[in-house]
C-alpha atoms as a PDB file:
ATOM      1  CA  UNK A   1      -0.164  -0.221   0.148  1.00  0.00           C
ATOM      2  CA  UNK A   2       1.211   3.392  -0.771  1.00  0.00           C
ATOM      3  CA  UNK A   3       1.503   6.302   2.089  1.00  0.00           C
ATOM      4  CA  UNK A   4      -0.495   7.977  -0.079  1.00  0.00           C
ATOM      5  CA  UNK A   5      -3.319   5.007   0.555  1.00  0.00           C
ATOM      6  CA  UNK A   6      -2.525   4.580   3.540  1.00  0.00           C
ATOM      7  CA  UNK A   7      -3.167   8.395   4.613  1.00  0.00           C
ATOM      8  CA  UNK A   8      -6.437   7.875   2.503  1.00  0.00           C
ATOM      9  CA  UNK A   9      -7.793   5.063   4.676  1.00  0.00           C
ATOM     10  CA  UNK A  10      -6.310   6.477   7.590  1.00  0.00           C
ATOM     11  CA  UNK A  11      -8.383   9.655   6.950  1.00  0.00           C
ATOM     12  CA  UNK A  12     -11.263   7.990   6.058  1.00  0.00           C
ATOM     13  CA  UNK A  13     -11.669   6.354   9.157  1.00  0.00           C
ATOM     14  CA  UNK A  14     -13.448   9.460  10.611  1.00  0.00           C
ATOM     15  CA  UNK A  15     -15.999   9.209   8.500  1.00  0.00           C
ATOM     16  CA  UNK A  16     -16.627   5.502   7.502  1.00  0.00           C
ATOM     17  CA  UNK A  17     -16.637   5.006  11.309  1.00  0.00           C
ATOM     18  CA  UNK A  18     -16.985   8.033  13.267  1.00  0.00           C
ATOM     19  CA  UNK A  19     -14.348   8.812  14.716  1.00  0.00           C
ATOM     20  CA  UNK A  20     -14.055  12.148  17.108  1.00  0.00           C
ATOM     21  CA  UNK A  21     -12.156  15.041  15.636  1.00  0.00           C
ATOM     22  CA  UNK A  22      -9.455  15.160  18.905  1.00  0.00           C
ATOM     23  CA  UNK A  23      -9.440  12.061  18.970  1.00  0.00           C
ATOM     24  CA  UNK A  24      -5.802  11.427  20.117  1.00  0.00           C
ATOM     25  CA  UNK A  25      -5.041   8.054  18.895  1.00  0.00           C
ATOM     26  CA  UNK A  26      -6.197   8.728  15.562  1.00  0.00           C
ATOM     27  CA  UNK A  27      -4.093  11.697  14.576  1.00  0.00           C
ATOM     28  CA  UNK A  28      -0.996   9.634  16.121  1.00  0.00           C
ATOM     29  CA  UNK A  29      -1.825   6.665  13.163  1.00  0.00           C
ATOM     30  CA  UNK A  30      -1.411   9.463  11.113  1.00  0.00           C
ATOM     31  CA  UNK A  31       1.511  10.603  12.387  1.00  0.00           C
ATOM     32  CA  UNK A  32       2.491   7.850  12.808  1.00  0.00           C
ATOM     33  CA  UNK A  33       2.065   6.323   9.196  1.00  0.00           C
ATOM     34  CA  UNK A  34       4.204   9.378   7.369  1.00  0.00           C
ATOM     35  CA  UNK A  35       6.810   9.114   9.652  1.00  0.00           C
ATOM     36  CA  UNK A  36       7.269   5.188   9.196  1.00  0.00           C
ATOM     37  CA  UNK A  37       7.925   5.924   4.836  1.00  0.00           C
ATOM     38  CA  UNK A  38       8.755   9.860   5.295  1.00  0.00           C
ATOM     39  CA  UNK A  39      11.965  11.900   6.819  1.00  0.00           C
ATOM     40  CA  UNK A  40      10.245  15.183   8.011  1.00  0.00           C
ATOM     41  CA  UNK A  41      12.440  18.293   7.175  1.00  0.00           C
ATOM     42  CA  UNK A  42      12.885  22.217   7.491  1.00  0.00           C
ATOM     43  CA  UNK A  43      13.733  23.158   4.652  1.00  0.00           C
ATOM     44  CA  UNK A  44      15.786  26.146   4.476  1.00  0.00           C
ATOM     45  CA  UNK A  45      14.244  29.156   2.649  1.00  0.00           C
ATOM     46  CA  UNK A  46      16.775  29.989   0.095  1.00  0.00           C
ATOM     47  CA  UNK A  47      17.813  33.080  -0.970  1.00  0.00           C
ATOM     48  CA  UNK A  48      16.809  34.401  -4.703  1.00  0.00           C
ATOM     49  CA  UNK A  49      18.225  34.820  -7.792  1.00  0.00           C
ATOM     50  CA  UNK A  50      20.928  37.254  -7.586  1.00  0.00           C
ATOM     51  CA  UNK A  51      21.623  39.408 -10.621  1.00  0.00           C
ATOM     52  CA  UNK A  52      23.029  36.121 -12.869  1.00  0.00           C
ATOM     53  CA  UNK A  53      20.420  34.055 -12.164  1.00  0.00           C
ATOM     54  CA  UNK A  54      22.478  31.701 -10.078  1.00  0.00           C
ATOM     55  CA  UNK A  55      20.645  30.553  -6.040  1.00  0.00           C
ATOM     56  CA  UNK A  56      23.608  29.265  -3.833  1.00  0.00           C
ATOM     57  CA  UNK A  57      22.395  27.152  -0.696  1.00  0.00           C
ATOM     58  CA  UNK A  58      24.655  27.755   2.252  1.00  0.00           C
ATOM     59  CA  UNK A  59      25.713  24.419   3.337  1.00  0.00           C
ATOM     60  CA  UNK A  60      25.130  21.676   0.474  1.00  0.00           C
ATOM     61  CA  UNK A  61      27.111  24.473  -2.499  1.00  0.00           C
ATOM     62  CA  UNK A  62      24.893  23.655  -4.531  1.00  0.00           C
ATOM     63  CA  UNK A  63      24.387  26.124  -7.271  1.00  0.00           C
ATOM     64  CA  UNK A  64      20.938  26.501  -9.054  1.00  0.00           C
ATOM     65  CA  UNK A  65      20.695  28.817 -12.628  1.00  0.00           C
ATOM     66  CA  UNK A  66      17.536  30.079 -13.249  1.00  0.00           C
ATOM     67  CA  UNK A  67      19.040  31.588 -16.077  1.00  0.00           C
ATOM     68  CA  UNK A  68      19.953  28.388 -18.319  1.00  0.00           C
ATOM     69  CA  UNK A  69      18.627  27.561 -21.783  1.00  0.00           C
ATOM     70  CA  UNK A  70      16.298  24.524 -21.085  1.00  0.00           C
ATOM     71  CA  UNK A  71      14.912  26.369 -17.282  1.00  0.00           C
ATOM     72  CA  UNK A  72      16.135  25.796 -13.472  1.00  0.00           C
ATOM     73  CA  UNK A  73      19.650  23.458 -13.910  1.00  0.00           C
ATOM     74  CA  UNK A  74      20.999  22.340 -10.799  1.00  0.00           C
ATOM     75  CA  UNK A  75      24.530  21.731 -10.317  1.00  0.00           C
ATOM     76  CA  UNK A  76      26.960  20.596  -7.208  1.00  0.00           C
ATOM     77  CA  UNK A  77      29.843  21.392  -5.705  1.00  0.00           C
ATOM     78  CA  UNK A  78      32.636  21.400  -8.517  1.00  0.00           C
ATOM     79  CA  UNK A  79      30.445  21.784 -11.024  1.00  0.00           C
ATOM     80  CA  UNK A  80      28.259  19.139 -11.869  1.00  0.00           C
ATOM     81  CA  UNK A  81      24.880  18.884 -13.305  1.00  0.00           C
ATOM     82  CA  UNK A  82      22.519  16.956 -11.683  1.00  0.00           C
ATOM     83  CA  UNK A  83      18.228  16.518 -12.122  1.00  0.00           C
ATOM     84  CA  UNK A  84      16.037  16.713  -9.374  1.00  0.00           C
ATOM     85  CA  UNK A  85      15.019  14.028  -9.299  1.00  0.00           C
ATOM     86  CA  UNK A  86      18.047  12.721  -8.903  1.00  0.00           C
ATOM     87  CA  UNK A  87      18.858  15.551  -6.270  1.00  0.00           C
ATOM     88  CA  UNK A  88      16.205  14.187  -4.110  1.00  0.00           C
ATOM     89  CA  UNK A  89      17.218  10.735  -4.019  1.00  0.00           C
ATOM     90  CA  UNK A  90      20.082  11.430  -2.841  1.00  0.00           C
ATOM     91  CA  UNK A  91      19.091  12.801  -0.424  1.00  0.00           C
ATOM     92  CA  UNK A  92      16.973  10.804   0.830  1.00  0.00           C
ATOM     93  CA  UNK A  93      19.512   8.425   0.769  1.00  0.00           C
ATOM     94  CA  UNK A  94      21.166  11.060   3.061  1.00  0.00           C
ATOM     95  CA  UNK A  95      18.176  11.401   5.490  1.00  0.00           C
ATOM     96  CA  UNK A  96      18.137   7.053   5.524  1.00  0.00           C
ATOM     97  CA  UNK A  97      21.474   6.856   6.689  1.00  0.00           C
ATOM     98  CA  UNK A  98      20.962   9.384   9.286  1.00  0.00           C
ATOM     99  CA  UNK A  99      17.800   7.842  10.677  1.00  0.00           C
ATOM    100  CA  UNK A 100      19.746   4.419  10.529  1.00  0.00           C
ATOM    101  CA  UNK A 101      22.704   5.601  12.362  1.00  0.00           C
ATOM    102  CA  UNK A 102      21.045   7.515  15.276  1.00  0.00           C
ATOM    103  CA  UNK A 103      18.362   4.600  15.239  1.00  0.00           C
ATOM    104  CA  UNK A 104      21.359   2.716  17.006  1.00  0.00           C
ATOM    105  CA  UNK A 105      23.772   4.729  18.918  1.00  0.00           C
END
Protein backbone atom coordinates (compact mmCIF):
# COMPACT_ATOMS: atom_id res chain seq x y z
CA UNK A 1 0.00 0.00 0.00
CA UNK A 2 1.40 3.42 -0.92
CA UNK A 3 1.73 6.11 1.76
CA UNK A 4 -0.97 8.07 -0.09
CA UNK A 5 -3.34 5.09 0.13
CA UNK A 6 -2.45 4.48 3.77
CA UNK A 7 -3.08 8.10 4.74
CA UNK A 8 -6.28 8.24 2.71
CA UNK A 9 -7.54 5.13 4.49
CA UNK A 10 -6.69 6.56 7.89
CA UNK A 11 -8.35 9.88 7.17
CA UNK A 12 -11.41 8.12 5.74
CA UNK A 13 -11.87 6.47 9.15
CA UNK A 14 -13.25 9.79 10.42
CA UNK A 15 -16.29 9.49 8.15
CA UNK A 16 -16.59 5.71 8.09
CA UNK A 17 -16.41 5.02 11.80
CA UNK A 18 -17.32 8.42 13.16
CA UNK A 19 -13.92 8.85 14.76
CA UNK A 20 -13.99 11.93 16.93
CA UNK A 21 -11.86 14.66 15.32
CA UNK A 22 -10.29 15.26 18.73
CA UNK A 23 -9.29 11.59 19.06
CA UNK A 24 -5.56 11.63 19.89
CA UNK A 25 -5.09 7.99 18.83
CA UNK A 26 -6.33 8.80 15.33
CA UNK A 27 -3.97 11.78 15.01
CA UNK A 28 -1.07 9.66 16.24
CA UNK A 29 -1.95 6.97 13.67
CA UNK A 30 -1.74 9.53 10.87
CA UNK A 31 1.57 10.93 12.14
CA UNK A 32 3.00 7.41 12.59
CA UNK A 33 1.97 6.50 9.03
CA UNK A 34 3.75 9.55 7.66
CA UNK A 35 6.91 9.11 9.73
CA UNK A 36 7.14 5.37 8.97
CA UNK A 37 7.73 6.19 5.31
CA UNK A 38 9.09 9.72 5.19
CA UNK A 39 11.74 11.78 6.90
CA UNK A 40 10.21 15.11 7.77
CA UNK A 41 12.73 17.93 7.73
CA UNK A 42 12.48 21.68 7.81
CA UNK A 43 13.66 23.03 4.48
CA UNK A 44 15.88 26.10 4.57
CA UNK A 45 14.69 29.24 2.84
CA UNK A 46 16.76 29.93 -0.23
CA UNK A 47 17.69 33.42 -1.36
CA UNK A 48 16.26 34.95 -4.49
CA UNK A 49 18.36 34.65 -7.64
CA UNK A 50 21.28 37.05 -7.89
CA UNK A 51 21.81 39.37 -10.86
CA UNK A 52 23.11 36.44 -12.92
CA UNK A 53 20.10 34.25 -12.12
CA UNK A 54 22.00 32.06 -9.65
CA UNK A 55 20.65 30.75 -6.34
CA UNK A 56 23.24 29.39 -3.91
CA UNK A 57 22.58 27.15 -0.91
CA UNK A 58 24.36 27.92 2.35
CA UNK A 59 25.52 24.48 3.49
CA UNK A 60 25.57 22.04 0.59
CA UNK A 61 27.18 24.48 -1.88
CA UNK A 62 24.58 23.70 -4.51
CA UNK A 63 23.76 26.19 -7.23
CA UNK A 64 20.52 26.61 -9.11
CA UNK A 65 20.86 28.40 -12.42
CA UNK A 66 17.52 30.03 -13.20
CA UNK A 67 18.79 31.61 -16.42
CA UNK A 68 19.67 28.44 -18.29
CA UNK A 69 18.09 27.62 -21.65
CA UNK A 70 16.33 24.57 -20.18
CA UNK A 71 14.82 26.33 -17.17
CA UNK A 72 16.15 25.78 -13.67
CA UNK A 73 19.33 23.69 -13.67
CA UNK A 74 20.98 22.30 -10.52
CA UNK A 75 24.76 22.17 -10.18
CA UNK A 76 26.67 20.24 -7.50
CA UNK A 77 29.89 21.38 -5.85
CA UNK A 78 32.58 21.04 -8.49
CA UNK A 79 30.22 22.09 -11.26
CA UNK A 80 28.60 18.83 -12.37
CA UNK A 81 24.91 19.11 -13.25
CA UNK A 82 22.14 16.96 -11.76
CA UNK A 83 18.38 16.71 -12.08
CA UNK A 84 15.96 17.65 -9.30
CA UNK A 85 14.84 13.99 -9.24
CA UNK A 86 18.39 12.69 -8.78
CA UNK A 87 19.08 15.33 -6.13
CA UNK A 88 15.95 14.26 -4.17
CA UNK A 89 16.99 10.60 -4.41
CA UNK A 90 20.47 11.40 -3.11
CA UNK A 91 19.01 13.53 -0.31
CA UNK A 92 16.69 10.69 0.70
CA UNK A 93 19.69 8.32 0.84
CA UNK A 94 21.46 10.73 3.19
CA UNK A 95 18.36 11.01 5.40
CA UNK A 96 17.92 7.22 5.51
CA UNK A 97 21.56 6.82 6.52
CA UNK A 98 21.19 9.46 9.24
CA UNK A 99 18.05 7.74 10.57
CA UNK A 100 19.80 4.37 10.67
CA UNK A 101 22.87 5.82 12.37
CA UNK A 102 20.74 7.56 15.00
CA UNK A 103 18.68 4.43 15.62
CA UNK A 104 21.81 2.38 16.27
CA UNK A 105 23.49 4.86 18.62
